[in-house]
């Protein structure tokens, strides 16, 4: 029996896609949005970060000014975090963590790389990202080959990702999502945008060859179901932002149940009624 998490992504193929993306010229607007989202979540944090860890290389480049010094890490063989030491004040991931086979294990490693009360921030695709494309590819395959093969990666829900933060031992975990709907004149423009950020198909069970008939059927479905009146194709991108702190004794703790000294009814200025007792409607 094979131990460990299921192999959803082909890590070698993903590394090749990322290397190709780095060589391409073009506007990476989704990455820019992720950087802006991270900056917005850093803005209210009254903290100086001396050392920061970039989990994919983008943070060290796009957020250089938010920390005194950056180190770039990578998830190597077995998805082990290859970082120089630990004790970082800040760790940032930009549109990369969603493609790990063992995200829960990766989050634990990130927490351990932080010093107590260190901050973790990440932007990753989740929710309904590329739901239109997933539906269209499935419809095209069903119509032409009678079955469905993996074409678009599964995406975690924001609530699931928030739970993973808590399971990994982060304090004060927060997960929130921002949705962007992009309208494309042609399908090839969507493909180009995905290539620019290395997000074309790297699923381990993917079918390498896409028959022309299948592509044609998928595009027809996309146009019929997910096009605006002007013919532009809609594509949804949900960027989930994760925020968590490495535990520290100085952090605020929730009160023990039953330890409150003020009644909620007093705070709200209402009359408290015992359970089962109906208030007088007059």
Protein backbone atom coordinates (compact mmCIF):
# COMPACT_ATOMS: atom_id res chain seq x y z
CA UNK A 1 0.00 0.00 0.00
CA UNK A 2 1.30 3.44 -0.98
CA UNK A 3 1.69 5.82 1.93
CA UNK A 4 1.31 9.56 1.83
CA UNK A 5 -1.09 11.91 0.06
CA UNK A 6 -2.51 11.05 -3.38
CA UNK A 7 -0.50 12.24 -6.37
CA UNK A 8 -2.79 14.79 -7.99
CA UNK A 9 -0.18 16.94 -9.72
CA UNK A 10 2.82 16.02 -11.87
CA UNK A 11 5.54 18.03 -10.10
CA UNK A 12 8.03 17.65 -12.97
CA UNK A 13 5.50 18.90 -15.53
CA UNK A 14 4.63 21.83 -13.26
CA UNK A 15 8.30 22.80 -12.92
CA UNK A 16 8.59 22.76 -16.71
CA UNK A 17 5.47 24.92 -17.10
CA UNK A 18 6.83 27.43 -14.56
CA UNK A 19 10.19 27.55 -16.33
CA UNK A 20 8.46 28.21 -19.66
CA UNK A 21 6.34 30.93 -18.07
CA UNK A 22 9.45 32.68 -16.74
CA UNK A 23 10.78 32.93 -20.31
CA UNK A 24 7.57 34.39 -21.71
CA UNK A 25 6.85 38.08 -22.10
CA UNK A 26 3.37 39.35 -21.31
CA UNK A 27 1.04 40.92 -18.77
CA UNK A 28 0.54 38.68 -15.73
CA UNK A 29 -2.49 40.51 -14.39
CA UNK A 30 -3.54 37.68 -12.07
CA UNK A 31 -0.16 37.70 -10.36
CA UNK A 32 -0.39 41.49 -10.08
CA UNK A 33 -3.81 41.15 -8.43
CA UNK A 34 -2.41 38.61 -5.97
CA UNK A 35 0.46 40.95 -5.05
CA UNK A 36 -1.99 43.82 -4.50
CA UNK A 37 -4.15 41.55 -2.33
CA UNK A 38 -1.18 40.57 -0.18
CA UNK A 39 -0.17 44.22 0.20
CA UNK A 40 -3.70 45.12 1.27
CA UNK A 41 -3.60 42.47 4.00
CA UNK A 42 -0.17 43.59 5.14
CA UNK A 43 -1.19 47.26 5.36
CA UNK A 44 -2.91 47.09 8.78
CA UNK A 45 -0.13 44.99 10.33
CA UNK A 46 1.96 47.26 12.53
CA UNK A 47 5.10 45.18 12.33
CA UNK A 48 8.63 45.40 10.94
CA UNK A 49 9.76 42.26 9.14
CA UNK A 50 13.51 41.73 9.29
CA UNK A 51 13.58 38.37 7.48
CA UNK A 52 11.05 37.07 4.99
CA UNK A 53 10.64 33.79 3.13
CA UNK A 54 9.33 33.72 -0.43
CA UNK A 55 7.72 30.34 -1.10
CA UNK A 56 7.91 30.61 -4.88
CA UNK A 57 10.25 33.44 -5.79
CA UNK A 58 7.54 35.97 -6.63
CA UNK A 59 7.40 37.51 -3.15
CA UNK A 60 11.09 38.35 -3.05
CA UNK A 61 10.69 40.24 -6.33
CA UNK A 62 7.28 41.89 -6.00
CA UNK A 63 7.30 42.61 -2.25
CA UNK A 64 10.95 43.40 -1.73
CA UNK A 65 10.20 46.60 0.18
CA UNK A 66 8.10 44.98 2.94
CA UNK A 67 11.00 43.15 4.60
CA UNK A 68 14.61 43.84 5.40
CA UNK A 69 15.83 40.71 3.63
CA UNK A 70 14.32 37.89 1.59
CA UNK A 71 15.18 34.23 1.14
CA UNK A 72 13.57 32.12 -1.58
CA UNK A 73 12.47 28.60 -0.75
CA UNK A 74 11.05 25.75 -2.82
CA UNK A 75 9.17 22.54 -2.21
CA UNK A 76 11.58 19.92 -3.47
CA UNK A 77 11.38 16.12 -3.75
CA UNK A 78 8.66 14.74 -1.52
CA UNK A 79 7.37 18.32 -1.22
CA UNK A 80 9.81 19.11 1.54
CA UNK A 81 10.34 22.82 2.10
CA UNK A 82 13.91 23.60 1.13
CA UNK A 83 14.54 26.76 3.13
CA UNK A 84 17.70 28.04 4.75
CA UNK A 85 17.07 27.59 8.44
CA UNK A 86 13.99 28.89 10.23
CA UNK A 87 12.96 31.80 12.43
CA UNK A 88 11.49 33.97 9.66
CA UNK A 89 9.29 36.94 10.52
CA UNK A 90 7.19 36.55 7.37
CA UNK A 91 6.42 33.86 4.78
CA UNK A 92 4.59 34.64 1.53
CA UNK A 93 3.20 32.42 -1.21
CA UNK A 94 1.92 33.87 -4.49
CA UNK A 95 -0.24 31.64 -6.70
CA UNK A 96 1.70 28.44 -6.10
CA UNK A 97 0.46 26.51 -3.07
CA UNK A 98 -2.77 25.31 -4.71
CA UNK A 99 -0.76 22.94 -6.91
CA UNK A 100 0.84 20.94 -4.09
CA UNK A 101 -0.16 17.33 -3.55
CA UNK A 102 0.11 17.71 0.23
CA UNK A 103 -1.05 21.21 1.11
CA UNK A 104 -1.76 20.31 4.78
CA UNK A 105 1.80 19.05 5.18
CA UNK A 106 3.19 22.12 3.40
CA UNK A 107 1.34 24.45 5.77
CA UNK A 108 2.83 22.67 8.78
CA UNK A 109 6.32 23.09 7.30
CA UNK A 110 5.70 26.78 6.67
CA UNK A 111 4.55 27.30 10.25
CA UNK A 112 7.69 25.61 11.54
CA UNK A 113 9.86 27.88 9.39
CA UNK A 114 8.42 30.96 11.09
CA UNK A 115 9.57 32.30 14.42
CA UNK A 116 6.93 32.57 17.18
CA UNK A 117 4.41 35.25 16.21
CA UNK A 118 5.68 35.18 12.62
CA UNK A 119 3.16 35.91 9.88
CA UNK A 120 2.13 33.70 6.96
CA UNK A 121 0.31 35.15 3.95
CA UNK A 122 -0.59 33.36 0.75
CA UNK A 123 -2.69 33.89 -2.35
CA UNK A 124 -3.82 30.77 -4.18
CA UNK A 125 -6.48 29.76 -6.66
CA UNK A 126 -9.57 28.13 -5.21
CA UNK A 127 -13.35 28.02 -5.30
CA UNK A 128 -14.90 28.47 -8.75
CA UNK A 129 -11.65 29.21 -10.58
CA UNK A 130 -11.99 28.16 -14.24
CA UNK A 131 -15.37 26.55 -13.55
CA UNK A 132 -16.50 27.49 -17.07
CA UNK A 133 -13.48 25.81 -18.66
CA UNK A 134 -13.87 22.70 -16.52
CA UNK A 135 -17.51 22.35 -17.54
CA UNK A 136 -16.79 22.96 -21.23
CA UNK A 137 -13.92 20.44 -21.39
CA UNK A 138 -16.02 17.79 -19.66
CA UNK A 139 -18.91 18.40 -22.08
CA UNK A 140 -16.57 18.22 -25.07
CA UNK A 141 -15.06 14.91 -23.96
CA UNK A 142 -18.42 13.36 -23.17
CA UNK A 143 -19.69 14.34 -26.61
CA UNK A 144 -16.67 12.98 -28.50
CA UNK A 145 -14.99 10.21 -26.50
CA UNK A 146 -17.77 9.18 -24.14
CA UNK A 147 -15.94 9.97 -20.88
CA UNK A 148 -14.09 12.60 -18.89
CA UNK A 149 -10.35 12.88 -18.23
CA UNK A 150 -8.60 15.34 -15.86
CA UNK A 151 -8.26 18.69 -17.64
CA UNK A 152 -8.70 21.38 -14.96
CA UNK A 153 -7.29 21.03 -11.46
CA UNK A 154 -9.69 20.62 -8.52
CA UNK A 155 -10.02 23.77 -6.42
CA UNK A 156 -10.49 23.92 -2.65
CA UNK A 157 -13.28 25.97 -1.10
CA UNK A 158 -12.34 28.99 1.04
CA UNK A 159 -13.82 27.31 4.13
CA UNK A 160 -11.78 24.18 3.54
CA UNK A 161 -8.61 26.22 3.21
CA UNK A 162 -9.40 28.08 6.42
CA UNK A 163 -9.80 24.76 8.20
CA UNK A 164 -6.43 23.61 6.86
CA UNK A 165 -4.78 26.67 8.39
CA UNK A 166 -6.25 25.78 11.76
CA UNK A 167 -5.25 22.11 11.43
CA UNK A 168 -1.69 23.15 10.60
CA UNK A 169 -1.45 24.94 13.95
CA UNK A 170 -1.68 28.57 12.87
CA UNK A 171 -3.08 31.04 15.35
CA UNK A 172 -5.79 33.54 14.38
CA UNK A 173 -6.33 31.92 10.96
CA UNK A 174 -8.26 33.87 8.33
CA UNK A 175 -9.27 32.83 4.82
CA UNK A 176 -11.09 35.12 2.42
CA UNK A 177 -11.70 35.16 -1.30
CA UNK A 178 -11.80 37.76 -4.07
CA UNK A 179 -13.40 36.93 -7.41
CA UNK A 180 -12.36 38.28 -10.80
CA UNK A 181 -14.40 37.57 -13.92
CA UNK A 182 -12.42 38.10 -17.12
CA UNK A 183 -14.06 38.50 -20.53
CA UNK A 184 -12.02 37.17 -23.46
CA UNK A 185 -12.48 37.97 -27.12
CA UNK A 186 -11.12 34.55 -28.02
CA UNK A 187 -10.30 31.30 -26.25
CA UNK A 188 -6.61 31.44 -27.19
CA UNK A 189 -6.20 34.57 -25.04
CA UNK A 190 -7.32 32.62 -21.97
CA UNK A 191 -4.81 29.90 -22.78
CA UNK A 192 -2.04 32.51 -23.15
CA UNK A 193 -2.85 34.02 -19.75
CA UNK A 194 -2.66 30.57 -18.14
CA UNK A 195 0.66 29.85 -19.82
CA UNK A 196 2.09 33.16 -18.61
CA UNK A 197 1.65 32.04 -14.99
CA UNK A 198 2.42 28.34 -15.58
CA UNK A 199 -1.13 27.20 -14.89
CA UNK A 200 -1.89 24.96 -17.86
CA UNK A 201 -2.75 21.32 -17.17
CA UNK A 202 -0.21 19.52 -14.94
CA UNK A 203 -2.54 16.93 -13.44
CA UNK A 204 -0.87 13.55 -13.00
CA UNK A 205 -3.73 11.71 -14.69
CA UNK A 206 -4.07 14.08 -17.62
CA UNK A 207 -4.43 12.89 -21.17
CA UNK A 208 -1.53 14.39 -23.14
CA UNK A 209 -3.37 14.55 -26.46
CA UNK A 210 -6.47 16.70 -27.02
CA UNK A 211 -8.36 15.56 -30.15
CA UNK A 212 -9.48 18.36 -32.44
CA UNK A 213 -13.06 17.15 -32.30
CA UNK A 214 -13.01 17.32 -28.51
CA UNK A 215 -11.60 20.84 -28.52
CA UNK A 216 -14.19 21.96 -31.06
CA UNK A 217 -17.03 20.49 -28.99
CA UNK A 218 -15.65 22.10 -25.82
CA UNK A 219 -15.39 25.51 -27.48
CA UNK A 220 -18.94 25.21 -28.81
CA UNK A 221 -20.20 24.45 -25.30
CA UNK A 222 -18.19 27.33 -23.84
CA UNK A 223 -19.60 29.74 -26.40
CA UNK A 224 -23.16 28.53 -25.87
CA UNK A 225 -23.13 28.55 -22.06
CA UNK A 226 -20.55 31.10 -20.94
CA UNK A 227 -20.45 33.91 -23.51
CA UNK A 228 -21.87 37.40 -23.14
CA UNK A 229 -24.15 38.87 -25.83
CA UNK A 230 -21.11 40.45 -27.50
CA UNK A 231 -19.51 37.01 -27.87
CA UNK A 232 -16.82 37.43 -25.23
CA UNK A 233 -16.08 34.35 -23.14
CA UNK A 234 -16.29 34.63 -19.35
CA UNK A 235 -13.63 33.06 -17.13
CA UNK A 236 -13.83 33.07 -13.34
CA UNK A 237 -10.76 33.34 -11.11
CA UNK A 238 -11.17 33.06 -7.33
CA UNK A 239 -8.05 34.08 -5.42
CA UNK A 240 -8.17 32.83 -1.84
CA UNK A 241 -6.03 34.71 0.67
CA UNK A 242 -4.73 32.86 3.71
CA UNK A 243 -3.47 34.63 6.83
CA UNK A 244 -2.09 32.92 9.91
CA UNK A 245 0.38 33.49 12.73
CA UNK A 246 2.86 31.11 14.25
CA UNK A 247 1.66 30.58 17.84
CA UNK A 248 3.19 32.67 20.60
CA UNK A 249 2.35 33.21 24.27
CA UNK A 250 1.93 36.95 23.69
CA UNK A 251 -1.03 36.49 21.34
CA UNK A 252 -4.61 37.09 22.56
CA UNK A 253 -6.38 33.94 23.73
CA UNK A 254 -10.11 33.18 23.61
CA UNK A 255 -11.86 33.26 26.98
CA UNK A 256 -12.87 30.00 28.63
CA UNK A 257 -16.56 29.11 28.20
CA UNK A 258 -18.57 30.52 31.11
CA UNK A 259 -15.93 33.09 32.09
CA UNK A 260 -17.83 36.15 30.81
CA UNK A 261 -18.58 38.81 33.42
CA UNK A 262 -21.17 40.75 31.39
CA UNK A 263 -24.46 39.40 30.07
CA UNK A 264 -25.19 39.79 26.36
CA UNK A 265 -28.70 41.00 27.18
CA UNK A 266 -27.24 43.88 29.23
CA UNK A 267 -24.87 44.84 26.43
CA UNK A 268 -27.74 44.89 23.93
CA UNK A 269 -30.16 46.62 26.30
CA UNK A 270 -32.78 43.88 25.99
CA UNK A 271 -34.72 41.70 28.40
CA UNK A 272 -33.48 38.14 28.81
CA UNK A 273 -36.13 35.39 28.85
CA UNK A 274 -35.50 31.86 30.14
CA UNK A 275 -35.45 29.08 27.56
CA UNK A 276 -38.97 28.03 26.67
CA UNK A 277 -40.51 31.25 28.05
CA UNK A 278 -42.31 33.30 25.42
CA UNK A 279 -41.99 37.05 25.55
CA UNK A 280 -45.20 39.01 25.87
CA UNK A 281 -45.96 40.27 22.34
CA UNK A 282 -47.53 43.40 23.77
